[in-house]
Amino acid sequence: MQKSDKSCMKPWDNGILRTDGRYLRNGETAFFWLGDTAWLLFQRLTEEEAAIYFRNRADKGYSVIQATLFHAVPDVNAYEEHAFEELDIARPLAAYWDRAERIVSLAEKYGLYMGLLPHWGSYSKKYSAEQGRAYARFLAERFRNHPNVIWILGGDTRGNEAAGYWNAMGEVLRENDPQRVICFHPFGRTTSIDYFPDADWLDVHMFQSGHRRYDQTQLKAWDDNDGDSYSFGEDNWKYVDRVYRMTAEALKPVLDAEPSYENIPQGLHSGAEPYWRDHDVRRYAWWSVLEGACGFTYGHNAIMQFWNTRERAGGYNCWETWQEALHHPGSDSVSHMARLMRGLDFTKGKAARGLLVDNGERYDRIACFAGEDYVLAYTYTGRSVTLREKALAGNWSVNWMNPLTGVISYAGELDTDTLARSGLTIPSPAKEYMPNPDWLLILRRET
């Protein structure tokens, strides 16, 4: 288990976080982004509660906490301290920001980066570009001495609706805090590359694959995508592919910064719909990471809003508390994924669809990723994995990882003669009576 006290080596001890093609590094050490969605942390949690939350996530191997410094009106925290005088972002109030800075320092103690949104995206329409510049200068100065800050502009918004505002903030942050990684969190089922394909201030492309099923393309709701030119449904791996195709000459990292949250209604708007569960979370995680994403951000309905009562429902039909949600299986599942990827030389791997006879479509899709000495293939439905003829050479061990538990089971060996056979099929261990149908095939080259 990762230590979570001051004696623990922090990622930034290896160097400043930086981009390196498709991935992130601290100095020369690869950094795998395992994020948690904690939008209302600064507004809802006391410092004591934040310590519990941070330690839980640090112990599980999370590396980034995504939270909004100013989320909504009223702009108060758990101590009834206001963020701004008369809601003017150019006039911050000291007590609120002193406490926010202490919370960032607390995350630093646990080795966690804070992915800080200056404010939720909709407020870009309320303020002028000059106010945004003043706010960005304040933030850069306020958090300059904290090594664990990542800036995330946006917040569930289309960048083209206030492009001048976001560019102004991004440019000021880059000028005044030049060594920080800067991202943009976009509207549902879009990517930041749709709005800022060439912005010098943007380091990592985020996408929000969102909370809808394949058949929920239009719900006559605020989060429809009427004006967008493409729709990938639940195929979040296609956003990764889209970004890499569009940045072929100048690669930037990309990740799913808001997939379907665990225990939220499918489509968001109706509590009568089924809820997304841990196996859905795993699908989004493995599909995107095995397509070459630099990491993944998990989310839970109760945690993103830090709901704290069972007496009434929170947003999006939430009937459980964040303290309960800390222990739900989706958050464990993605930590198993992160631990495996960190144990591999994942920065030298790439999507390897061509190794398989049939990658499949939609839920039957098998994601495949390979490095020099390993192959990973994730099957969401538990269907068998079939390798192409002569796809691999040499000797390989066969292992199956249960993505729910993280346990890896050895299953035997493959050699060159066996691999030369056309259509070599490796059946998964999935059974109807098992709690999860999904499995991860791990092939390792034997020396």
Protein backbone atom coordinates (compact mmCIF):
# COMPACT_ATOMS: atom_id res chain seq x y z
CA MET A 1 0.00 0.00 0.00
CA GLN A 2 1.19 3.49 -0.82
CA LYS A 3 2.26 5.43 2.23
CA SER A 4 0.27 8.57 2.83
CA ASP A 5 2.35 10.66 5.23
CA LYS A 6 5.09 13.22 4.89
CA SER A 7 7.78 10.54 4.56
CA CYS A 8 6.26 9.35 1.27
CA MET A 9 8.16 10.34 -1.86
CA LYS A 10 6.00 12.72 -3.85
CA PRO A 11 5.79 12.65 -7.68
CA TRP A 12 7.25 16.15 -7.95
CA ASP A 13 10.33 14.99 -6.03
CA ASN A 14 11.36 13.45 -9.37
CA GLY A 15 10.97 16.74 -11.20
CA ILE A 16 8.40 19.21 -12.45
CA LEU A 17 5.40 17.65 -14.19
CA ARG A 18 5.78 18.02 -17.95
CA THR A 19 4.44 16.62 -21.19
CA ASP A 20 6.43 14.16 -23.29
CA GLY A 21 4.55 13.33 -26.47
CA ARG A 22 1.47 11.31 -25.52
CA TYR A 23 2.36 11.05 -21.86
CA LEU A 24 3.33 13.02 -18.75
CA ARG A 25 6.53 12.81 -16.75
CA ASN A 26 8.01 14.13 -13.54
CA GLY A 27 11.53 14.72 -14.76
CA GLU A 28 12.32 11.40 -16.44
CA THR A 29 9.81 9.38 -14.40
CA ALA A 30 6.55 8.45 -16.12
CA PHE A 31 3.43 9.89 -14.50
CA PHE A 32 0.14 8.01 -14.79
CA TRP A 33 -2.86 10.29 -14.20
CA LEU A 34 -5.40 8.58 -11.98
CA GLY A 35 -7.86 11.30 -11.15
CA ASP A 36 -10.88 11.59 -8.90
CA THR A 37 -13.76 13.98 -9.50
CA ALA A 38 -14.16 16.21 -6.44
CA TRP A 39 -15.82 19.28 -7.91
CA LEU A 40 -17.28 20.62 -4.64
CA LEU A 41 -14.40 19.79 -2.31
CA PHE A 42 -13.55 23.41 -1.50
CA GLN A 43 -17.20 24.27 -0.88
CA ARG A 44 -18.46 21.24 1.06
CA LEU A 45 -15.61 19.76 3.11
CA THR A 46 -13.98 20.90 6.30
CA GLU A 47 -10.21 20.57 6.51
CA GLU A 48 -10.64 17.51 8.75
CA GLU A 49 -12.95 15.87 6.20
CA ALA A 50 -10.58 16.74 3.37
CA ALA A 51 -7.79 14.92 5.22
CA ILE A 52 -9.90 11.74 5.38
CA TYR A 53 -10.73 11.98 1.70
CA PHE A 54 -7.15 12.68 0.62
CA ARG A 55 -5.70 9.82 2.64
CA ASN A 56 -8.27 7.39 1.21
CA ARG A 57 -7.42 8.39 -2.35
CA ALA A 58 -3.64 8.46 -1.75
CA ASP A 59 -3.75 4.98 -0.20
CA LYS A 60 -5.55 3.72 -3.33
CA GLY A 61 -2.94 5.18 -5.66
CA TYR A 62 -4.81 8.18 -7.03
CA SER A 63 -2.56 10.97 -8.26
CA VAL A 64 -4.84 13.91 -9.21
CA ILE A 65 -7.88 15.41 -7.49
CA GLN A 66 -10.03 17.57 -9.80
CA ALA A 67 -11.82 20.31 -7.84
CA THR A 68 -13.39 23.70 -8.50
CA LEU A 69 -12.08 26.67 -6.53
CA PHE A 70 -15.32 28.59 -7.07
CA HIS A 71 -18.27 26.52 -8.20
CA ALA A 72 -21.61 28.25 -7.73
CA VAL A 73 -23.57 30.99 -6.03
CA PRO A 74 -23.52 31.38 -3.06
CA ASP A 75 -19.74 31.31 -3.22
CA VAL A 76 -19.14 29.97 0.30
CA ASN A 77 -17.21 27.12 1.87
CA ALA A 78 -18.08 24.84 4.79
CA TYR A 79 -17.11 27.67 7.14
CA GLU A 80 -19.48 30.19 5.50
CA GLU A 81 -16.52 32.15 4.14
CA HIS A 82 -17.15 33.88 0.81
CA ALA A 83 -14.73 33.59 -2.10
CA PHE A 84 -15.24 37.09 -3.49
CA GLU A 85 -16.52 40.48 -2.53
CA GLU A 86 -19.87 40.93 -4.28
CA LEU A 87 -19.07 37.93 -6.53
CA ASP A 88 -16.37 39.88 -8.36
CA ILE A 89 -13.57 37.42 -9.21
CA ALA A 90 -11.13 40.31 -9.29
CA ARG A 91 -11.85 40.96 -5.57
CA PRO A 92 -11.01 37.75 -3.65
CA LEU A 93 -11.57 37.57 0.11
CA ALA A 94 -8.59 36.43 2.19
CA ALA A 95 -10.25 33.99 4.62
CA TYR A 96 -11.68 31.79 1.85
CA TRP A 97 -8.40 31.69 -0.05
CA ASP A 98 -6.27 31.10 3.04
CA ARG A 99 -8.36 28.00 3.69
CA ALA A 100 -8.24 26.90 0.04
CA GLU A 101 -4.48 27.16 0.15
CA ARG A 102 -4.34 25.04 3.32
CA ILE A 103 -6.38 22.35 1.57
CA VAL A 104 -3.96 22.37 -1.37
CA SER A 105 -1.11 22.03 1.14
CA LEU A 106 -2.94 19.10 2.74
CA ALA A 107 -3.16 17.34 -0.64
CA GLU A 108 0.56 18.01 -1.06
CA LYS A 109 1.23 16.16 2.20
CA TYR A 110 -0.46 13.08 0.72
CA GLY A 111 1.41 13.26 -2.58
CA LEU A 112 -1.63 14.35 -4.57
CA TYR A 113 -1.81 16.85 -7.37
CA MET A 114 -4.76 19.25 -7.29
CA GLY A 115 -6.32 19.77 -10.71
CA LEU A 116 -7.76 23.19 -9.97
CA LEU A 117 -10.59 24.72 -11.96
CA PRO A 118 -10.60 28.50 -11.36
CA HIS A 119 -14.41 28.37 -11.52
CA TRP A 120 -17.12 26.28 -13.14
CA GLY A 121 -17.28 26.87 -16.88
CA SER A 122 -20.67 28.57 -17.08
CA TYR A 123 -19.31 31.61 -15.23
CA SER A 124 -17.17 32.52 -18.24
CA LYS A 125 -20.30 34.20 -19.61
CA LYS A 126 -20.66 36.35 -16.49
CA TYR A 127 -17.20 37.89 -16.38
CA SER A 128 -15.15 39.95 -18.80
CA ALA A 129 -11.83 38.89 -20.25
CA GLU A 130 -10.14 41.57 -18.14
CA GLN A 131 -11.70 40.16 -14.96
CA GLY A 132 -10.52 36.72 -16.05
CA ARG A 133 -6.99 38.01 -16.54
CA ALA A 134 -6.98 39.62 -13.09
CA TYR A 135 -8.28 36.41 -11.52
CA ALA A 136 -5.69 34.30 -13.34
CA ARG A 137 -2.88 36.60 -12.14
CA PHE A 138 -4.20 36.27 -8.59
CA LEU A 139 -4.31 32.46 -8.83
CA ALA A 140 -0.84 32.20 -10.32
CA GLU A 141 0.60 34.28 -7.51
CA ARG A 142 -1.46 32.66 -4.76
CA PHE A 143 -0.48 29.07 -5.60
CA ARG A 144 2.99 29.75 -7.04
CA ASN A 145 4.83 27.98 -4.22
CA HIS A 146 2.73 24.80 -4.27
CA PRO A 147 4.38 22.04 -6.34
CA ASN A 148 1.14 20.03 -6.65
CA VAL A 149 -1.03 22.32 -8.80
CA ILE A 150 -2.38 21.54 -12.27
CA TRP A 151 -4.62 24.17 -13.89
CA ILE A 152 -7.85 22.99 -15.53
CA LEU A 153 -9.78 25.70 -17.34
CA GLY A 154 -13.37 25.21 -18.47
CA GLY A 155 -15.75 23.00 -16.56
CA ASP A 156 -18.45 21.29 -18.65
CA THR A 157 -18.52 24.08 -21.21
CA ARG A 158 -17.90 24.62 -24.91
CA GLY A 159 -14.71 26.61 -25.32
CA ASN A 160 -15.98 28.41 -28.42
CA GLU A 161 -18.74 30.08 -26.39
CA ALA A 162 -16.15 32.24 -24.58
CA ALA A 163 -12.95 31.55 -26.48
CA GLY A 164 -11.53 35.00 -25.81
CA TYR A 165 -12.07 34.64 -22.09
CA TRP A 166 -10.46 31.18 -21.87
CA ASN A 167 -7.53 32.19 -24.08
CA ALA A 168 -6.95 35.22 -21.87
CA MET A 169 -6.90 33.09 -18.71
CA GLY A 170 -4.71 30.45 -20.31
CA GLU A 171 -2.20 32.99 -21.59
CA VAL A 172 -1.98 34.76 -18.21
CA LEU A 173 -1.47 31.47 -16.37
CA ARG A 174 1.20 30.42 -18.86
CA GLU A 175 3.00 33.75 -18.54
CA ASN A 176 2.77 34.02 -14.74
CA ASP A 177 3.04 30.32 -13.81
CA PRO A 178 4.99 28.91 -16.76
CA GLN A 179 5.93 25.50 -15.40
CA ARG A 180 2.40 24.28 -14.69
CA VAL A 181 0.49 21.80 -16.80
CA ILE A 182 -2.70 23.43 -18.14
CA CYS A 183 -5.78 21.57 -19.41
CA PHE A 184 -9.35 22.38 -20.46
CA HIS A 185 -12.41 20.41 -19.27
CA PRO A 186 -15.02 20.56 -22.06
CA PHE A 187 -18.74 20.01 -22.58
CA GLY A 188 -20.15 16.50 -22.60
CA ARG A 189 -19.14 14.26 -25.49
CA THR A 190 -16.63 16.78 -26.87
CA THR A 191 -12.89 17.28 -26.55
CA SER A 192 -10.78 20.36 -25.86
CA ILE A 193 -9.18 19.94 -29.28
CA ASP A 194 -12.52 20.91 -30.79
CA TYR A 195 -12.08 24.39 -29.32
CA PHE A 196 -8.33 24.90 -28.85
CA PRO A 197 -6.47 22.82 -31.44
CA ASP A 198 -3.44 25.13 -31.57
CA ALA A 199 -3.43 26.98 -28.22
CA ASP A 200 0.13 27.35 -26.94
CA TRP A 201 -1.09 27.47 -23.34
CA LEU A 202 -2.84 24.07 -23.49
CA ASP A 203 -0.72 21.04 -22.54
CA VAL A 204 -3.17 18.15 -22.13
CA HIS A 205 -6.34 17.54 -24.13
CA MET A 206 -9.30 16.43 -22.02
CA PHE A 207 -12.58 15.00 -23.22
CA GLN A 208 -15.82 14.32 -21.39
CA SER A 209 -17.29 11.07 -22.67
CA GLY A 210 -20.25 11.75 -20.41
CA HIS A 211 -23.11 9.88 -18.83
CA ARG A 212 -25.32 8.71 -21.72
CA ARG A 213 -25.94 5.31 -23.26
CA TYR A 214 -25.57 4.62 -26.96
CA ASP A 215 -29.32 5.12 -27.43
CA GLN A 216 -29.50 8.40 -25.48
CA THR A 217 -28.23 10.70 -28.20
CA GLN A 218 -30.92 13.37 -27.74
CA LEU A 219 -32.90 13.74 -24.50
CA LYS A 220 -34.28 17.26 -25.06
CA ALA A 221 -32.09 18.39 -22.16
CA TRP A 222 -29.48 21.09 -21.59
CA ASP A 223 -26.64 18.70 -22.29
CA ASP A 224 -27.69 17.62 -25.79
CA ASN A 225 -25.10 17.84 -28.57
CA ASP A 226 -27.27 19.36 -31.29
CA GLY A 227 -24.52 21.61 -32.65
CA ASP A 228 -21.67 19.10 -32.65
CA SER A 229 -20.33 17.42 -35.76
CA TYR A 230 -19.79 13.92 -34.41
CA SER A 231 -21.13 11.50 -31.82
CA PHE A 232 -19.25 8.53 -30.39
CA GLY A 233 -21.79 7.38 -27.84
CA GLU A 234 -20.12 5.26 -25.20
CA ASP A 235 -17.07 4.58 -27.40
CA ASN A 236 -14.79 6.84 -25.38
CA TRP A 237 -11.69 5.31 -26.97
CA LYS A 238 -12.65 7.11 -30.19
CA TYR A 239 -11.98 10.48 -28.54
CA VAL A 240 -8.41 9.38 -27.84
CA ASP A 241 -8.02 8.28 -31.43
CA ARG A 242 -9.53 11.58 -32.66
CA VAL A 243 -7.05 13.70 -30.70
CA TYR A 244 -4.04 11.67 -31.83
CA ARG A 245 -5.13 11.87 -35.45
CA MET A 246 -5.49 15.66 -35.15
CA THR A 247 -2.17 16.14 -33.35
CA ALA A 248 -0.08 13.76 -35.40
CA GLU A 249 2.59 16.39 -36.00
CA ALA A 250 2.67 17.67 -32.40
CA LEU A 251 1.42 15.05 -30.00
CA LYS A 252 -0.18 16.08 -26.73
CA PRO A 253 -1.46 13.79 -23.98
CA VAL A 254 -5.20 13.13 -23.78
CA LEU A 255 -7.51 11.58 -21.19
CA ASP A 256 -11.15 11.03 -20.32
CA ALA A 257 -11.67 13.65 -17.61
CA GLU A 258 -15.36 12.86 -17.07
CA PRO A 259 -16.78 9.47 -18.01
CA SER A 260 -19.99 8.04 -16.58
CA TYR A 261 -19.87 8.35 -12.80
CA GLU A 262 -20.40 5.32 -10.63
CA ASN A 263 -23.96 5.26 -9.21
CA ILE A 264 -25.44 8.01 -11.37
CA PRO A 265 -28.55 7.55 -13.56
CA GLN A 266 -27.80 6.71 -17.17
CA GLY A 267 -28.44 9.92 -19.05
CA LEU A 268 -28.35 11.97 -15.81
CA HIS A 269 -31.86 13.36 -15.86
CA SER A 270 -34.16 10.55 -14.69
CA GLY A 271 -33.87 8.51 -11.50
CA ALA A 272 -36.06 5.90 -13.20
CA GLU A 273 -33.17 4.95 -15.50
CA PRO A 274 -30.63 2.27 -14.57
CA TYR A 275 -27.50 3.46 -12.80
CA TRP A 276 -23.95 3.23 -14.06
CA ARG A 277 -22.01 0.74 -11.92
CA ASP A 278 -18.43 -0.32 -11.32
CA HIS A 279 -18.16 -2.54 -14.40
CA ASP A 280 -19.20 0.42 -16.58
CA VAL A 281 -16.49 2.54 -14.96
CA ARG A 282 -13.91 -0.13 -15.74
CA ARG A 283 -14.97 -0.25 -19.37
CA TYR A 284 -14.41 3.49 -19.82
CA ALA A 285 -11.09 3.26 -18.01
CA TRP A 286 -9.61 0.34 -19.90
CA TRP A 287 -10.98 1.36 -23.30
CA SER A 288 -9.39 4.81 -23.13
CA VAL A 289 -6.10 3.87 -21.45
CA LEU A 290 -5.49 0.97 -23.83
CA GLU A 291 -6.06 3.35 -26.74
CA GLY A 292 -3.12 5.39 -25.42
CA ALA A 293 -4.62 7.91 -22.98
CA CYS A 294 -2.19 9.30 -20.40
CA GLY A 295 -4.52 8.23 -17.60
CA PHE A 296 -8.15 8.35 -16.51
CA THR A 297 -10.40 10.28 -14.15
CA TYR A 298 -12.87 8.31 -12.06
CA GLY A 299 -16.07 9.86 -10.75
CA HIS A 300 -18.79 8.96 -8.26
CA ASN A 301 -22.16 10.69 -8.00
CA ALA A 302 -21.91 11.18 -4.23
CA ILE A 303 -18.24 12.18 -4.16
CA MET A 304 -18.28 14.73 -6.96
CA GLN A 305 -20.84 16.73 -4.94
CA PHE A 306 -19.76 15.49 -1.47
CA TRP A 307 -23.32 14.64 -0.51
CA ASN A 308 -23.53 14.03 3.23
CA THR A 309 -27.06 12.91 4.15
CA ARG A 310 -29.49 10.09 3.46
CA GLU A 311 -32.42 12.20 4.59
CA ARG A 312 -32.99 13.63 1.11
CA ALA A 313 -31.60 13.16 -2.36
CA GLY A 314 -28.66 15.10 -3.67
CA GLY A 315 -28.15 16.08 -7.27
CA TYR A 316 -28.83 13.48 -9.93
CA ASN A 317 -30.84 11.28 -7.58
CA CYS A 318 -27.98 10.65 -5.16
CA TRP A 319 -29.18 8.75 -2.06
CA GLU A 320 -25.85 7.87 -0.44
CA THR A 321 -23.14 9.83 1.32
CA TRP A 322 -19.65 10.54 0.11
CA GLN A 323 -18.26 8.71 3.15
CA GLU A 324 -20.02 5.52 1.98
CA ALA A 325 -19.01 6.08 -1.62
CA LEU A 326 -15.31 6.17 -0.76
CA HIS A 327 -15.36 2.38 -0.53
CA HIS A 328 -17.38 1.51 -3.62
CA PRO A 329 -15.86 -0.97 -6.08
CA GLY A 330 -15.44 1.38 -9.03
CA SER A 331 -12.82 3.42 -7.19
CA ASP A 332 -10.96 0.22 -6.30
CA SER A 333 -11.12 -1.11 -9.87
CA VAL A 334 -9.39 1.86 -11.43
CA SER A 335 -6.68 1.77 -8.77
CA HIS A 336 -5.90 -1.81 -9.86
CA MET A 337 -5.60 -0.54 -13.43
CA ALA A 338 -3.24 2.27 -12.41
CA ARG A 339 -1.03 -0.08 -10.41
CA LEU A 340 -0.67 -2.43 -13.40
CA MET A 341 0.09 0.37 -15.86
CA ARG A 342 2.67 1.93 -13.55
CA GLY A 343 4.37 -1.46 -13.30
CA LEU A 344 4.77 -1.60 -17.09
CA ASP A 345 6.75 0.68 -19.35
CA PHE A 346 3.41 2.07 -20.54
CA THR A 347 4.91 5.17 -22.19
CA LYS A 348 6.51 2.91 -24.80
CA GLY A 349 3.31 1.03 -25.50
CA LYS A 350 0.60 1.90 -28.01
CA ALA A 351 -2.81 0.79 -29.17
CA ALA A 352 -2.42 -2.50 -31.03
CA ARG A 353 -5.76 -3.33 -32.64
CA GLY A 354 -3.95 -5.13 -35.45
CA LEU A 355 -2.84 -7.96 -33.16
CA LEU A 356 -6.41 -9.27 -32.92
CA VAL A 357 -8.54 -11.00 -35.53
CA ASP A 358 -11.66 -9.20 -34.33
CA ASN A 359 -11.67 -6.12 -32.11
CA GLY A 360 -15.46 -6.09 -32.05
CA GLU A 361 -17.87 -3.19 -31.77
CA ARG A 362 -19.63 -1.42 -28.92
CA TYR A 363 -19.81 -3.61 -25.81
CA ASP A 364 -18.14 -6.50 -27.64
CA ARG A 365 -15.07 -4.40 -28.35
CA ILE A 366 -11.75 -5.79 -27.15
CA ALA A 367 -9.20 -3.04 -26.48
CA CYS A 368 -5.59 -4.01 -27.15
CA PHE A 369 -2.35 -2.28 -26.14
CA ALA A 370 1.20 -3.56 -26.54
CA GLY A 371 4.77 -2.75 -25.64
CA GLU A 372 7.95 -4.60 -26.53
CA ASP A 373 7.49 -7.26 -23.87
CA TYR A 374 3.76 -7.23 -23.04
CA VAL A 375 0.31 -7.29 -24.59
CA LEU A 376 -2.88 -6.22 -22.79
CA ALA A 377 -6.35 -7.06 -24.11
CA TYR A 378 -9.51 -6.03 -22.23
CA THR A 379 -12.79 -7.82 -22.90
CA TYR A 380 -15.83 -6.15 -21.34
CA THR A 381 -18.24 -9.00 -22.11
CA GLY A 382 -15.78 -11.79 -21.35
CA ARG A 383 -15.54 -13.00 -24.93
CA SER A 384 -12.45 -14.85 -26.09
CA VAL A 385 -9.39 -13.09 -27.48
CA THR A 386 -8.19 -14.30 -30.88
CA LEU A 387 -4.69 -13.38 -32.07
CA ARG A 388 -3.85 -13.00 -35.74
CA GLU A 389 -1.55 -15.48 -37.39
CA LYS A 390 2.11 -14.65 -36.60
CA ALA A 391 1.04 -11.55 -34.67
CA LEU A 392 3.68 -12.37 -32.06
CA ALA A 393 6.92 -14.31 -31.98
CA GLY A 394 8.90 -15.78 -29.12
CA ASN A 395 7.73 -17.21 -25.83
CA TRP A 396 4.97 -15.58 -23.81
CA SER A 397 3.29 -16.28 -20.50
CA VAL A 398 -0.50 -16.07 -20.40
CA ASN A 399 -2.14 -14.36 -17.46
CA TRP A 400 -5.67 -13.17 -16.70
CA MET A 401 -6.35 -10.24 -14.42
CA ASN A 402 -9.73 -9.85 -12.78
CA PRO A 403 -10.32 -6.07 -13.14
CA LEU A 404 -12.69 -6.07 -10.18
CA THR A 405 -10.23 -7.56 -7.69
CA GLY A 406 -6.87 -6.81 -9.32
CA VAL A 407 -5.78 -10.43 -8.89
CA ILE A 408 -3.61 -11.82 -11.71
CA SER A 409 -3.82 -15.57 -12.48
CA TYR A 410 -1.18 -17.43 -14.48
CA ALA A 411 -2.64 -19.61 -17.25
CA GLY A 412 0.30 -21.16 -19.13
CA GLU A 413 2.74 -20.47 -21.96
CA LEU A 414 2.66 -19.68 -25.66
CA ASP A 415 5.63 -20.29 -27.97
CA THR A 416 6.48 -19.28 -31.54
CA ASP A 417 5.05 -22.46 -33.05
CA THR A 418 1.75 -22.01 -31.27
CA LEU A 419 1.59 -18.31 -32.16
CA ALA A 420 2.15 -19.10 -35.85
CA ARG A 421 -1.23 -20.85 -36.00
CA SER A 422 -3.97 -18.89 -37.69
CA GLY A 423 -6.60 -17.52 -35.34
CA LEU A 424 -5.15 -18.60 -32.00
CA THR A 425 -8.03 -18.18 -29.57
CA ILE A 426 -7.52 -17.67 -25.84
CA PRO A 427 -10.80 -18.17 -23.94
CA SER A 428 -11.44 -15.84 -21.01
CA PRO A 429 -12.30 -17.16 -17.53
CA ALA A 430 -15.68 -15.37 -17.55
CA LYS A 431 -18.65 -17.35 -16.24
CA GLU A 432 -22.29 -16.37 -15.84
CA TYR A 433 -22.19 -16.91 -12.09
CA MET A 434 -19.21 -14.61 -11.57
CA PRO A 435 -19.86 -11.08 -10.26
CA ASN A 436 -18.16 -9.44 -13.25
CA PRO A 437 -17.95 -10.51 -16.91
CA ASP A 438 -14.93 -8.37 -17.83
CA TRP A 439 -11.36 -9.65 -17.86
CA LEU A 440 -7.92 -8.43 -18.88
CA LEU A 441 -5.56 -10.71 -20.80
CA ILE A 442 -1.89 -10.08 -20.01
CA LEU A 443 0.77 -11.65 -22.22
CA ARG A 444 4.36 -11.22 -21.06
CA ARG A 445 7.42 -12.04 -23.12
CA GLU A 446 9.51 -14.73 -21.47
CA THR A 447 13.32 -14.49 -21.68
